[in-house]
Protein backbone atom coordinates (compact mmCIF):
# COMPACT_ATOMS: atom_id res chain seq x y z
CA UNK A 1 -10.48 15.35 -25.86
CA UNK A 2 -6.93 16.60 -26.50
CA UNK A 3 -6.79 18.01 -22.99
CA UNK A 4 -7.75 14.63 -21.50
CA UNK A 5 -5.05 12.78 -23.45
CA UNK A 6 -2.31 15.16 -22.31
CA UNK A 7 -3.58 14.98 -18.72
CA UNK A 8 -3.62 11.17 -18.83
CA UNK A 9 -0.09 10.99 -20.22
CA UNK A 10 1.18 13.43 -17.55
CA UNK A 11 -0.48 11.30 -14.90
CA UNK A 12 1.25 8.18 -16.24
CA UNK A 13 4.60 9.96 -16.31
CA UNK A 14 4.21 11.03 -12.69
CA UNK A 15 3.21 7.57 -11.49
CA UNK A 16 6.19 6.13 -13.39
CA UNK A 17 8.51 8.54 -11.62
CA UNK A 18 7.18 7.44 -8.24
CA UNK A 19 8.00 3.83 -9.13
CA UNK A 20 11.49 4.81 -10.25
CA UNK A 21 12.07 6.76 -7.03
CA UNK A 22 10.98 3.80 -4.91
CA UNK A 23 13.30 1.50 -6.86
CA UNK A 24 16.17 3.97 -6.46
CA UNK A 25 15.59 4.21 -2.71
CA UNK A 26 15.50 0.42 -2.47
CA UNK A 27 18.69 0.06 -4.53
CA UNK A 28 20.63 2.62 -2.50
CA UNK A 29 19.50 1.18 0.83
CA UNK A 30 20.51 -2.29 -0.38
CA UNK A 31 23.95 -1.05 -1.47
CA UNK A 32 24.47 0.78 1.84
CA UNK A 33 23.51 -2.31 3.86
CA UNK A 34 25.82 -4.50 1.78
CA UNK A 35 28.71 -2.04 2.20
CA UNK A 36 28.21 -2.02 5.97
CA UNK A 37 28.14 -5.82 6.12
CA UNK A 38 31.36 -6.15 4.12
CA UNK A 39 33.35 -3.68 6.20
CA UNK A 40 36.21 -5.09 8.23
CA UNK A 41 35.58 -4.19 11.84
CA UNK A 42 38.18 -6.49 13.45
CA UNK A 43 41.07 -8.62 12.22
CA UNK A 44 43.81 -10.69 13.80
CA UNK A 45 47.47 -10.05 13.15
CA UNK A 46 50.03 -12.89 12.75
CA UNK A 47 50.50 -12.95 16.56
CA UNK A 48 46.75 -13.57 17.06
CA UNK A 49 46.22 -10.06 18.49
CA UNK A 50 42.79 -8.62 17.76
CA UNK A 51 42.95 -5.29 15.91
CA UNK A 52 39.81 -3.17 16.01
CA UNK A 53 41.04 0.37 15.36
CA UNK A 54 40.82 1.51 11.74
CA UNK A 55 44.44 2.72 11.72
CA UNK A 56 45.72 -0.62 13.07
CA UNK A 57 43.69 -2.58 10.51
CA UNK A 58 45.00 -0.35 7.71
CA UNK A 59 48.61 -0.73 8.82
CA UNK A 60 48.29 -4.52 9.14
CA UNK A 61 46.78 -4.74 5.64
CA UNK A 62 49.66 -2.70 4.21
CA UNK A 63 52.20 -4.87 6.00
CA UNK A 64 50.52 -8.11 4.89
CA UNK A 65 50.32 -7.18 1.20
CA UNK A 66 53.82 -5.68 1.18
CA UNK A 67 55.18 -8.95 2.54
CA UNK A 68 53.20 -10.88 -0.08
CA UNK A 69 54.57 -8.74 -2.88
CA UNK A 70 58.14 -9.02 -1.62
CA UNK A 71 57.82 -12.79 -1.28
CA UNK A 72 56.53 -13.15 -4.86
CA UNK A 73 59.25 -10.85 -6.19
CA UNK A 74 61.93 -12.79 -4.31
CA UNK A 75 60.66 -16.14 -5.63
CA UNK A 76 60.70 -14.82 -9.20
CA UNK A 77 64.31 -13.65 -8.86
CA UNK A 78 65.35 -17.15 -7.73
CA UNK A 79 64.09 -18.75 -10.93
């Protein structure tokens, strides 16, 4: 009787782990899909040129946010 109880509990633990593993796989595949969907593949610069290389997109983002920061800083100094 004791043997059967320990075997039954081990069986439950193993089946629980399978469920957890399936949930983990689902979660990670969902996160990976979401990350791929949210990636910027192409953007337009202020001159309406299409940028599709990662380096160009990075440089344009740096330029854009630098200009934003400088504009805000300049407006605050005028006050």
